[in-house]
Protein backbone atom coordinates (compact mmCIF):
# COMPACT_ATOMS: atom_id res chain seq x y z
CA MET A 1 59.43 68.20 113.14
CA LEU A 2 58.32 71.17 115.26
CA PHE A 3 61.53 73.01 114.38
CA ILE A 4 60.95 72.46 110.63
CA LEU A 5 57.30 73.50 110.93
CA LYS A 6 58.34 76.69 112.78
CA LYS A 7 60.83 77.53 110.03
CA ILE A 8 58.30 76.90 107.25
CA ILE A 9 55.63 79.09 108.86
CA GLY A 10 58.17 81.76 109.73
CA ASN A 11 59.47 81.93 106.16
CA LEU A 12 55.97 82.06 104.70
CA LEU A 13 55.28 85.12 106.87
CA LEU A 14 58.32 87.02 105.59
CA PRO A 15 57.53 90.01 103.32
CA LEU A 16 58.34 88.56 99.89
CA PRO A 17 56.56 85.16 100.11
CA PHE A 18 53.65 86.67 102.07
CA LEU A 19 53.07 89.52 99.62
CA LEU A 20 53.48 87.22 96.61
CA LEU A 21 50.87 84.93 98.16
CA LEU A 22 48.50 87.87 98.54
CA MET A 23 49.11 88.83 94.90
CA ALA A 24 48.39 85.26 93.81
CA ILE A 25 45.11 85.31 95.74
CA ALA A 26 44.23 88.65 94.14
CA LEU A 27 44.98 87.33 90.65
CA ALA A 28 42.90 84.23 91.31
CA LEU A 29 40.00 86.42 92.41
CA LEU A 30 40.38 88.58 89.29
CA TRP A 31 40.35 85.61 86.94
CA PHE A 32 37.94 83.22 88.61
CA SER A 33 35.49 85.19 90.77
CA ARG A 34 33.14 88.13 90.83
CA TRP A 35 35.15 89.83 93.57
CA GLN A 36 36.79 92.18 91.10
CA LYS A 37 36.94 95.27 93.31
CA SER A 38 38.32 93.39 96.32
CA ALA A 39 40.89 91.68 94.12
CA LYS A 40 42.06 94.99 92.67
CA VAL A 41 42.41 96.51 96.15
CA LEU A 42 44.30 93.48 97.45
CA LEU A 43 46.63 93.42 94.43
CA SER A 44 47.27 97.17 94.63
CA LEU A 45 48.02 97.09 98.37
CA SER A 46 50.32 94.07 98.00
CA TRP A 47 52.24 95.68 95.14
CA LEU A 48 52.54 98.99 96.99
CA SER A 49 53.75 97.24 100.16
CA LEU A 50 56.39 95.34 98.22
CA LEU A 51 57.53 98.57 96.58
CA LEU A 52 57.82 100.48 99.86
CA LEU A 53 59.63 97.66 101.66
CA SER A 54 62.17 97.58 98.81
CA ILE A 55 63.33 101.21 99.03
CA GLN A 56 66.06 102.41 101.36
CA PRO A 57 64.24 105.11 103.39
CA VAL A 58 61.50 102.70 104.47
CA ALA A 59 63.59 99.55 104.87
CA ASP A 60 66.33 101.16 106.94
CA ARG A 61 63.86 103.03 109.14
CA LEU A 62 62.31 99.69 110.00
CA LEU A 63 65.66 98.06 110.73
CA MET A 64 67.48 100.90 112.50
CA PRO A 65 65.66 100.71 115.87
CA LEU A 66 66.80 97.10 116.26
CA GLU A 67 70.39 97.85 115.29
CA ASN A 68 70.73 100.89 117.56
CA HIS A 69 70.29 98.96 120.80
CA TYR A 70 74.03 98.35 121.23
CA SER A 71 77.19 100.10 120.10
CA THR A 72 80.23 98.41 118.59
CA TYR A 73 82.27 96.87 121.41
CA GLN A 74 85.57 98.72 121.81
CA GLU A 75 86.75 97.86 125.34
CA LYS A 76 89.70 95.62 126.12
CA THR A 77 88.58 94.27 129.50
CA PRO A 78 89.62 90.58 129.70
CA VAL A 79 86.97 88.03 128.75
CA ASP A 80 87.00 84.24 128.80
CA TYR A 81 84.96 83.45 125.69
CA ILE A 82 83.94 85.18 122.48
CA VAL A 83 80.69 83.53 121.34
CA VAL A 84 79.84 83.88 117.64
CA LEU A 85 76.32 82.75 116.78
CA GLY A 86 75.61 80.79 113.62
CA GLY A 87 73.75 82.15 110.59
CA GLY A 88 73.27 81.21 106.98
CA TYR A 89 75.92 78.98 105.44
CA THR A 90 76.70 76.26 102.93
CA TYR A 91 79.73 74.05 102.39
CA ASN A 92 81.86 73.41 99.33
CA ALA A 93 85.39 72.18 100.00
CA ASP A 94 86.59 73.68 96.71
CA TRP A 95 85.59 77.20 97.68
CA ALA A 96 87.54 79.75 99.67
CA PRO A 97 86.51 79.18 103.34
CA SER A 98 84.79 82.55 103.67
CA SER A 99 82.63 81.87 100.58
CA ASN A 100 80.77 79.23 102.58
CA LEU A 101 79.28 81.83 104.92
CA PHE A 102 76.29 83.88 103.80
CA SER A 103 76.14 87.65 104.11
CA ASN A 104 74.61 87.59 107.59
CA SER A 105 77.27 85.18 108.90
CA LEU A 106 80.64 86.28 107.60
CA PRO A 107 80.61 89.70 109.34
CA ARG A 108 79.86 87.92 112.63
CA VAL A 109 82.95 85.76 112.26
CA THR A 110 85.23 88.60 111.19
CA GLU A 111 84.04 90.75 114.11
CA GLY A 112 84.64 87.79 116.41
CA VAL A 113 88.18 87.42 115.08
CA ARG A 114 88.80 91.15 115.59
CA LEU A 115 87.67 90.88 119.20
CA TYR A 116 89.77 87.75 119.67
CA ARG A 117 92.87 89.69 118.68
CA GLU A 118 91.89 92.45 121.13
CA HIS A 119 91.50 89.94 123.99
CA PRO A 120 94.56 87.69 124.36
CA GLY A 121 93.79 84.48 126.22
CA ALA A 122 90.13 84.32 125.19
CA LYS A 123 88.64 81.30 123.43
CA MET A 124 86.28 81.53 120.48
CA ILE A 125 83.00 79.58 120.55
CA PHE A 126 81.09 78.97 117.31
CA THR A 127 77.54 77.64 117.35
CA GLY A 128 75.17 76.18 114.78
CA ALA A 129 73.93 72.74 113.76
CA GLU A 130 74.06 70.97 110.42
CA ALA A 131 71.53 72.14 107.85
CA ILE A 132 69.37 69.45 106.27
CA SER A 133 71.42 67.45 103.71
CA ASN A 134 74.62 69.30 104.72
CA PRO A 135 77.27 67.02 106.26
CA VAL A 136 79.20 69.90 107.87
CA SER A 137 77.77 71.99 110.70
CA ASN A 138 77.45 75.74 110.75
CA ALA A 139 79.77 75.86 113.77
CA LYS A 140 82.45 73.86 111.95
CA VAL A 141 82.32 76.03 108.83
CA ALA A 142 82.60 79.22 110.90
CA ALA A 143 85.52 77.68 112.80
CA MET A 144 87.24 76.87 109.50
CA VAL A 145 86.88 80.50 108.42
CA ALA A 146 88.32 81.71 111.73
CA GLU A 147 91.30 79.35 111.32
CA SER A 148 91.85 80.67 107.80
CA LEU A 149 92.02 84.16 109.33
CA GLY A 150 94.74 83.13 111.76
CA VAL A 151 92.96 81.93 114.89
CA PRO A 152 94.78 78.85 116.31
CA GLU A 153 92.77 75.64 116.37
CA GLN A 154 93.37 75.23 120.12
CA ASP A 155 91.55 78.50 120.77
CA ILE A 156 88.39 77.43 118.91
CA ILE A 157 85.41 75.52 120.33
CA ALA A 158 82.59 74.38 118.06
CA LEU A 159 79.09 73.65 119.43
CA PRO A 160 77.45 71.91 116.45
CA GLN A 161 74.23 70.62 118.04
CA ALA A 162 72.30 73.89 118.55
CA LYS A 163 69.59 74.48 115.93
CA ASP A 164 68.35 77.92 117.05
CA THR A 165 69.26 80.76 119.40
CA ILE A 166 67.58 79.16 122.42
CA GLU A 167 69.59 75.95 121.98
CA GLU A 168 72.74 77.99 121.34
CA ALA A 169 72.27 79.80 124.66
CA GLN A 170 71.72 76.51 126.49
CA ALA A 171 74.85 74.96 124.96
CA VAL A 172 76.98 77.99 125.82
CA ALA A 173 75.61 78.04 129.39
CA GLN A 174 76.66 74.43 129.91
CA LEU A 175 80.18 75.21 128.70
CA ALA A 176 80.84 78.71 129.99
CA GLY A 177 78.85 78.79 133.20
CA GLN A 178 79.36 82.15 134.90
CA LYS A 179 82.52 83.06 133.01
CA LYS A 180 82.75 86.35 131.16
CA ILE A 181 81.61 86.16 127.53
CA LEU A 182 81.23 88.47 124.57
CA LEU A 183 78.16 87.71 122.48
CA VAL A 184 78.71 88.40 118.77
CA THR A 185 75.83 88.30 116.32
CA SER A 186 74.15 90.55 113.76
CA ALA A 187 73.13 93.90 115.25
CA ASN A 188 69.47 93.32 114.36
CA HIS A 189 69.50 89.90 116.06
CA LEU A 190 71.40 90.97 119.17
CA PRO A 191 68.48 92.40 121.23
CA ARG A 192 66.57 89.11 121.00
CA ALA A 193 69.73 87.03 121.48
CA MET A 194 70.61 88.98 124.65
CA LYS A 195 67.19 88.21 126.17
CA ILE A 196 67.56 84.53 125.34
CA PHE A 197 71.07 84.28 126.78
CA GLN A 198 70.03 86.13 129.93
CA SER A 199 67.09 83.75 130.33
CA ALA A 200 69.62 80.89 130.17
CA GLY A 201 71.39 82.34 133.22
CA LEU A 202 74.21 84.07 131.36
CA ASP A 203 75.30 87.70 131.55
CA PRO A 204 76.85 88.31 128.12
CA ILE A 205 78.47 91.50 126.91
CA PRO A 206 76.80 92.57 123.63
CA ALA A 207 79.06 92.87 120.59
CA PRO A 208 77.04 93.73 117.46
CA ALA A 209 78.23 92.93 113.94
CA ASN A 210 76.87 93.25 110.42
CA GLN A 211 75.10 96.60 110.80
CA LEU A 212 72.99 97.20 107.70
CA ALA A 213 70.71 100.22 108.15
CA THR A 214 72.41 103.48 107.23
CA GLN A 215 71.84 107.22 107.50
CA GLY A 216 75.07 107.88 105.65
CA PRO A 217 75.38 109.46 102.21
CA LEU A 218 73.94 107.47 99.33
CA ASN A 219 73.57 108.15 95.64
CA PRO A 220 70.07 109.50 94.87
CA TRP A 221 69.07 106.44 92.84
CA GLU A 222 70.00 104.18 95.77
CA LYS A 223 67.26 105.84 97.78
CA ILE A 224 64.45 105.95 95.25
CA PHE A 225 64.79 102.73 93.23
CA PRO A 226 63.53 99.46 94.73
CA SER A 227 66.26 96.94 95.46
CA ALA A 228 66.43 93.34 96.62
CA ASN A 229 69.15 94.48 99.01
CA TYR A 230 66.80 96.86 100.85
CA LEU A 231 63.97 94.35 100.74
CA SER A 232 66.31 92.07 102.68
CA HIS A 233 66.69 94.83 105.30
CA SER A 234 62.91 94.94 105.72
CA GLU A 235 62.92 91.16 105.90
CA ARG A 236 65.46 91.20 108.75
CA ALA A 237 63.35 93.72 110.67
CA TRP A 238 60.20 91.66 110.21
CA TYR A 239 61.98 88.37 110.98
CA GLU A 240 63.28 89.70 114.30
CA THR A 241 59.87 91.16 115.14
CA LEU A 242 58.28 87.75 114.55
CA GLY A 243 61.03 86.12 116.62
CA SER A 244 60.42 88.48 119.53
CA LEU A 245 56.66 87.88 119.38
CA TRP A 246 57.23 84.12 119.42
CA LEU A 247 59.62 84.49 122.35
CA ASN A 248 57.06 86.52 124.30
CA LEU A 249 54.36 83.94 123.58
CA LYS A 250 56.62 81.14 124.85
CA ASP A 251 57.42 83.12 127.99
């Protein structure tokens, strides 16, 4: 119950639902109260915030500091385990395996498979519990995708009980102990994940995947027009900021 409550509150505080809630309050004040000036200010600020968070220069500037903590892992020093953390997923047996992983999850798995091929003898660990009403765990779906990409079943370990990063770190610690591990997750999630894994007594090597924020060349309209894609970049930055604040409060 606490886990579900944490997820509900966390999602309500993300930019889109939070700003839409503020707009709804502003509209209610406009229609049903005398607080016309306050309502107009609140509505204007909410709309402007949503606009700014949806354009590339703002969104990627918010996300880039998180993603620049660690560089892509290129070394070939032997490791024992390649740990790929779970993310968004679904499951439909009629789909191509990779279609069951959401956009924040598939790049993690493909980067994990790349590193597996660079490190002969390593085992892949996939984490992630079952979502509500989903009979297949996140870890199992990710493992299926890895198998479809050529990783042998005997080199795959699924840890399907962990519901969040803290539980993932605890499960990996029980399995891997002090062995050498690569930690693969989204670049924006990796700084927080590293702290959690280190708190669990592990000393992982960071291996970022799914970098999103860019300074590369873009078409002019990609920079000036609001986009749901760039709003999602702002959302990732804010989500990780909330996660870090929660982690500090727990500590």
